[in-house]
Amino acid sequence: MSSPKDLEEVRRTFHEVAVAHVSQVRDVMLELRFGDADPSWLAGTKPALSSLRAMAAQIDLKDLVTALDEFATMIDMSVANRARIADADKAELLRRYQRLIELIPQAFELDAERDRREPIIVEALLLQTEGVERPTMDKLFAVGLNRLDALFNANAEEIVVVSGIRQQLAEAIVQQFQAYRARSKAAVSVRDPAAELRELADLLKSLRTQNEDFSRAANAWSDDARARKRELRKEREQTFLRIKVSLARLGAREQLTKLERMPFQERIATLGTYLSAQSQVR
């Protein structure tokens, strides 16, 4: 017979396991709450939910089992023969998901997860825009243009009026965020983590090449070498900004925090180790 202390320890371990186990569920619900989500993406969460339910039943977490059953039932209703999730179904999904947040907040919470990812993505996209520097970002953030939804929906004229930045710069910002929205399919998460990791691997290859070229240019003393060094420094920074976006979308914020404190050579080695570990997991 298990003692109450034994059972408490098992449930604590279960909660820790659940955080990683339902990462795909969090990603889908992040998009559903703050934007939209494809029905097939939502349906793809069912295996993780079923597995979690089986584990919860084994340790007699009856409230969680019930909440998972109700949420899974709503998923089936929402995606049945539909090209998009209806607004009423979206509201009901979020209502039932809220019960899961109440039961295991560390596994299912959304607001804190969004707040961990979104500022990194917004800042990195802005700094990838030609002409944007810290004073520009300060002006945008001061008037509430620090969220993806606000930047997705803003037009250049509105940005100029509220922030006072130049028209040409505002147009470049709008173009940057519209391009991100079009190619990414999801704002703060990834529908296909394996594809995102492949893209990250390609970015790492580019970063490695740029860093090697930068080191060679740094050891030369000609005017051409100095000009090339400035160009490569910028290219290297731009590539790392794209890597930051990718890591934020994957939810790898701790990995990103470590990288930012490192010189580029160590960043490259650490990213390589991270990607190798992820390939083993998947």
Protein backbone atom coordinates (compact mmCIF):
# COMPACT_ATOMS: atom_id res chain seq x y z
CA MET A 1 0.00 0.00 0.00
CA SER A 2 1.26 3.47 -0.86
CA SER A 3 1.36 5.96 1.96
CA PRO A 4 -0.06 9.50 1.52
CA LYS A 5 3.51 10.76 1.35
CA ASP A 6 4.35 8.27 -1.44
CA LEU A 7 1.27 9.31 -3.40
CA GLU A 8 2.09 12.98 -2.99
CA GLU A 9 5.57 12.39 -4.36
CA VAL A 10 4.20 10.44 -7.34
CA ARG A 11 1.76 13.23 -8.14
CA ARG A 12 4.53 15.82 -7.89
CA THR A 13 6.58 13.83 -10.39
CA PHE A 14 3.51 13.47 -12.62
CA HIS A 15 3.07 17.25 -12.69
CA GLU A 16 6.71 17.70 -13.73
CA VAL A 17 6.36 15.12 -16.50
CA ALA A 18 3.13 16.74 -17.70
CA VAL A 19 4.92 20.03 -18.47
CA ALA A 20 6.97 18.43 -21.26
CA HIS A 21 4.30 15.94 -22.24
CA VAL A 22 1.71 18.54 -23.29
CA SER A 23 4.02 21.07 -24.93
CA GLN A 24 2.23 20.58 -28.26
CA VAL A 25 -1.11 21.18 -26.56
CA ARG A 26 0.16 24.47 -25.12
CA ASP A 27 1.44 25.56 -28.53
CA VAL A 28 -1.91 24.92 -30.20
CA MET A 29 -3.87 26.64 -27.45
CA LEU A 30 -1.52 29.63 -27.50
CA GLU A 31 -2.45 30.15 -31.14
CA LEU A 32 -6.11 29.48 -30.50
CA ARG A 33 -6.30 32.02 -27.69
CA PHE A 34 -4.25 34.76 -29.28
CA GLY A 35 -4.96 34.13 -32.95
CA ASP A 36 -6.17 31.07 -34.79
CA ALA A 37 -5.32 27.39 -35.13
CA ASP A 38 -5.90 24.87 -37.87
CA PRO A 39 -8.36 22.06 -36.96
CA SER A 40 -5.87 19.36 -37.99
CA TRP A 41 -3.27 20.90 -35.68
CA LEU A 42 -5.76 20.82 -32.81
CA ALA A 43 -6.73 17.23 -33.60
CA GLY A 44 -3.05 16.30 -33.47
CA THR A 45 -3.00 16.95 -29.72
CA LYS A 46 -5.24 13.96 -28.99
CA PRO A 47 -2.45 11.34 -28.54
CA ALA A 48 -0.65 13.46 -25.93
CA LEU A 49 -3.90 14.13 -24.11
CA SER A 50 -4.86 10.44 -24.16
CA SER A 51 -1.47 9.43 -22.80
CA LEU A 52 -1.68 12.02 -20.03
CA ARG A 53 -5.19 10.83 -19.17
CA ALA A 54 -3.94 7.24 -18.81
CA MET A 55 -1.20 8.35 -16.43
CA ALA A 56 -3.64 10.50 -14.45
CA ALA A 57 -6.05 7.58 -14.08
CA GLN A 58 -3.28 5.36 -12.72
CA ILE A 59 -2.65 7.71 -9.81
CA ASP A 60 -6.32 8.44 -9.22
CA LEU A 61 -6.42 12.09 -10.33
CA LYS A 62 -10.16 11.95 -10.96
CA ASP A 63 -10.71 15.67 -11.50
CA LEU A 64 -7.97 15.79 -14.10
CA VAL A 65 -9.28 12.70 -15.87
CA THR A 66 -12.72 14.30 -16.10
CA ALA A 67 -11.32 17.61 -17.34
CA LEU A 68 -9.20 15.85 -19.98
CA ASP A 69 -12.20 13.83 -21.17
CA GLU A 70 -14.33 16.95 -21.49
CA PHE A 71 -11.61 18.83 -23.34
CA ALA A 72 -10.94 15.91 -25.71
CA THR A 73 -14.66 15.61 -26.46
CA MET A 74 -14.77 19.29 -27.36
CA ILE A 75 -11.80 18.86 -29.67
CA ASP A 76 -13.65 16.14 -31.56
CA MET A 77 -16.72 18.36 -31.90
CA SER A 78 -14.66 21.36 -33.03
CA VAL A 79 -12.67 19.68 -35.78
CA ALA A 80 -15.26 17.33 -37.26
CA ASN A 81 -15.37 17.97 -41.04
CA ARG A 82 -14.42 21.63 -40.67
CA ALA A 83 -11.92 23.84 -42.44
CA ARG A 84 -11.71 26.20 -39.47
CA ILE A 85 -12.71 26.24 -35.82
CA ALA A 86 -15.95 28.14 -35.25
CA ASP A 87 -15.90 31.08 -32.84
CA ALA A 88 -18.39 29.40 -30.47
CA ASP A 89 -16.29 26.22 -30.41
CA LYS A 90 -13.15 28.26 -29.81
CA ALA A 91 -14.77 29.90 -26.79
CA GLU A 92 -15.88 26.54 -25.39
CA LEU A 93 -12.45 24.99 -25.96
CA LEU A 94 -10.83 27.82 -24.06
CA ARG A 95 -13.37 27.48 -21.26
CA ARG A 96 -12.70 23.77 -20.84
CA TYR A 97 -8.95 24.32 -21.18
CA GLN A 98 -9.13 26.79 -18.32
CA ARG A 99 -10.08 23.89 -16.05
CA LEU A 100 -6.84 22.13 -17.03
CA ILE A 101 -4.91 25.30 -16.19
CA GLU A 102 -6.55 25.35 -12.76
CA LEU A 103 -5.58 21.73 -12.11
CA ILE A 104 -1.96 21.82 -13.40
CA PRO A 105 -1.01 25.45 -14.06
CA GLN A 106 2.66 24.72 -14.69
CA ALA A 107 1.74 22.36 -17.56
CA PHE A 108 -1.18 24.17 -19.18
CA GLU A 109 -0.82 27.92 -18.47
CA LEU A 110 -0.78 30.18 -21.54
CA ASP A 111 -0.40 33.82 -20.51
CA ALA A 112 2.98 33.35 -18.85
CA GLU A 113 4.19 31.20 -21.76
CA ARG A 114 3.16 33.86 -24.23
CA ASP A 115 4.90 36.52 -22.13
CA ARG A 116 8.09 34.46 -22.17
CA ARG A 117 8.13 34.05 -25.95
CA GLU A 118 6.51 37.11 -27.49
CA PRO A 119 8.90 39.88 -26.35
CA ILE A 120 11.85 37.92 -27.78
CA ILE A 121 10.10 37.49 -31.14
CA VAL A 122 8.94 41.11 -31.36
CA GLU A 123 12.36 42.52 -30.49
CA ALA A 124 14.21 40.19 -32.86
CA LEU A 125 11.87 40.98 -35.76
CA LEU A 126 12.19 44.71 -35.18
CA LEU A 127 16.00 44.54 -35.05
CA GLN A 128 15.98 42.61 -38.33
CA THR A 129 14.27 45.61 -39.95
CA GLU A 130 16.66 47.96 -41.72
CA GLY A 131 16.94 51.25 -39.82
CA VAL A 132 15.37 50.09 -36.53
CA GLU A 133 17.49 50.78 -33.45
CA ARG A 134 16.76 50.93 -29.72
CA PRO A 135 15.29 54.48 -29.76
CA THR A 136 12.81 53.37 -32.43
CA MET A 137 11.79 50.39 -30.34
CA ASP A 138 11.34 52.59 -27.28
CA LYS A 139 8.95 54.84 -29.23
CA LEU A 140 6.93 51.86 -30.46
CA PHE A 141 6.74 50.18 -27.06
CA ALA A 142 5.73 53.44 -25.37
CA VAL A 143 2.53 53.56 -27.46
CA GLY A 144 1.63 49.89 -27.01
CA LEU A 145 3.19 48.48 -30.18
CA ASN A 146 4.97 45.73 -28.29
CA ARG A 147 2.63 42.83 -29.09
CA LEU A 148 2.48 40.75 -32.23
CA ASP A 149 -1.26 41.23 -32.70
CA ALA A 150 -0.87 45.03 -32.53
CA LEU A 151 1.99 44.99 -35.04
CA PHE A 152 0.18 42.54 -37.33
CA ASN A 153 -2.87 44.81 -37.50
CA ALA A 154 -1.18 48.21 -37.66
CA ASN A 155 -0.60 50.06 -40.92
CA ALA A 156 2.28 52.41 -41.61
CA GLU A 157 0.21 55.58 -41.32
CA GLU A 158 -1.09 54.59 -37.88
CA ILE A 159 2.41 53.78 -36.69
CA VAL A 160 3.69 57.17 -37.86
CA VAL A 161 0.87 59.04 -36.12
CA VAL A 162 1.11 57.32 -32.75
CA SER A 163 4.89 56.87 -32.51
CA GLY A 164 6.34 59.74 -34.53
CA ILE A 165 8.79 57.57 -36.48
CA ARG A 166 9.52 58.14 -40.18
CA GLN A 167 7.04 56.89 -42.81
CA GLN A 168 9.67 54.84 -44.63
CA LEU A 169 10.69 53.12 -41.42
CA ALA A 170 7.07 52.45 -40.48
CA GLU A 171 6.48 50.85 -43.87
CA ALA A 172 9.53 48.61 -43.41
CA ILE A 173 8.23 47.49 -40.01
CA VAL A 174 4.79 46.67 -41.40
CA GLN A 175 6.38 44.70 -44.23
CA GLN A 176 8.57 42.78 -41.79
CA PHE A 177 5.70 41.68 -39.57
CA GLN A 178 3.37 40.85 -42.44
CA ALA A 179 6.09 38.69 -43.99
CA TYR A 180 6.62 36.89 -40.67
CA ARG A 181 2.89 36.29 -40.32
CA ALA A 182 2.63 34.90 -43.85
CA ARG A 183 5.54 32.46 -43.62
CA SER A 184 5.17 31.32 -40.02
CA LYS A 185 1.55 30.13 -39.92
CA ALA A 186 1.68 30.54 -36.11
CA ALA A 187 2.62 33.64 -34.13
CA VAL A 188 4.42 32.40 -31.00
CA SER A 189 4.65 28.64 -31.51
CA VAL A 190 5.35 26.06 -34.20
CA ARG A 191 2.99 23.63 -35.85
CA ASP A 192 5.82 21.35 -36.98
CA PRO A 193 8.72 21.33 -34.48
CA ALA A 194 10.77 18.99 -36.67
CA ALA A 195 10.59 21.43 -39.59
CA GLU A 196 11.51 24.32 -37.29
CA LEU A 197 14.53 22.39 -36.02
CA ARG A 198 15.64 21.73 -39.61
CA GLU A 199 15.39 25.45 -40.33
CA LEU A 200 17.35 26.14 -37.15
CA ALA A 201 20.04 23.72 -38.31
CA ASP A 202 20.30 25.64 -41.61
CA LEU A 203 20.62 28.90 -39.70
CA LEU A 204 23.38 27.38 -37.60
CA LYS A 205 25.30 26.40 -40.76
CA SER A 206 25.01 29.99 -42.00
CA LEU A 207 26.12 31.36 -38.65
CA ARG A 208 29.15 29.05 -38.57
CA THR A 209 30.22 30.13 -42.07
CA GLN A 210 29.70 33.82 -41.29
CA ASN A 211 31.69 33.55 -38.09
CA GLU A 212 34.59 31.83 -39.86
CA ASP A 213 34.59 34.50 -42.58
CA PHE A 214 34.43 37.21 -39.92
CA SER A 215 37.46 35.76 -38.11
CA ARG A 216 39.47 35.72 -41.34
CA ALA A 217 38.49 39.31 -42.13
CA ALA A 218 39.37 40.39 -38.59
CA ASN A 219 42.93 39.13 -39.07
CA ALA A 220 43.45 41.17 -42.24
CA TRP A 221 44.32 44.86 -42.33
CA SER A 222 43.27 46.08 -45.76
CA ASP A 223 40.43 48.55 -46.30
CA ASP A 224 38.49 45.85 -48.11
CA ALA A 225 38.93 43.49 -45.16
CA ARG A 226 37.66 46.12 -42.70
CA ALA A 227 34.63 46.79 -44.87
CA ARG A 228 34.00 43.05 -45.20
CA LYS A 229 34.33 42.68 -41.44
CA ARG A 230 31.60 45.27 -40.86
CA GLU A 231 29.37 43.53 -43.40
CA LEU A 232 29.93 40.10 -41.87
CA ARG A 233 29.31 41.39 -38.34
CA LYS A 234 25.92 42.64 -39.47
CA GLU A 235 25.11 39.40 -41.33
CA ARG A 236 26.12 37.37 -38.29
CA GLU A 237 23.91 39.44 -35.99
CA GLN A 238 20.97 39.14 -38.39
CA THR A 239 21.32 35.36 -38.51
CA PHE A 240 21.43 35.15 -34.73
CA LEU A 241 18.26 37.28 -34.53
CA ARG A 242 16.53 34.73 -36.74
CA ILE A 243 17.83 31.98 -34.46
CA LYS A 244 16.35 33.83 -31.48
CA VAL A 245 12.93 33.86 -33.13
CA SER A 246 13.15 30.15 -33.86
CA LEU A 247 14.20 29.24 -30.32
CA ALA A 248 11.47 31.42 -28.82
CA ARG A 249 8.84 29.74 -31.00
CA LEU A 250 10.14 26.35 -29.86
CA GLY A 251 9.79 27.44 -26.24
CA ALA A 252 13.56 27.09 -25.67
CA ARG A 253 13.90 30.30 -23.69
CA GLU A 254 16.44 28.90 -21.20
CA GLN A 255 18.64 27.82 -24.10
CA LEU A 256 18.43 31.30 -25.56
CA THR A 257 19.32 32.96 -22.25
CA LYS A 258 22.52 30.91 -22.12
CA LEU A 259 23.47 31.71 -25.70
CA GLU A 260 23.16 35.47 -25.31
CA ARG A 261 25.93 35.50 -22.68
CA MET A 262 28.38 33.67 -24.94
CA PRO A 263 30.78 34.77 -27.69
CA PHE A 264 29.76 33.58 -31.14
CA GLN A 265 32.09 30.58 -31.24
CA GLU A 266 30.55 29.22 -28.04
CA ARG A 267 27.05 30.01 -29.28
CA ILE A 268 27.70 27.89 -32.35
CA ALA A 269 29.01 24.94 -30.32
CA THR A 270 26.14 25.16 -27.81
CA LEU A 271 23.53 25.34 -30.56
CA GLY A 272 25.06 22.28 -32.18
CA THR A 273 24.79 20.37 -28.91
CA TYR A 274 21.18 21.52 -28.47
CA LEU A 275 20.21 20.37 -31.96
CA SER A 276 21.89 17.00 -31.48
CA ALA A 277 19.97 16.50 -28.23
CA GLN A 278 16.69 17.46 -29.89
CA SER A 279 17.26 14.99 -32.72
CA GLN A 280 17.70 12.23 -30.14
CA VAL A 281 14.48 13.20 -28.36
CA ARG A 282 12.45 13.26 -31.57
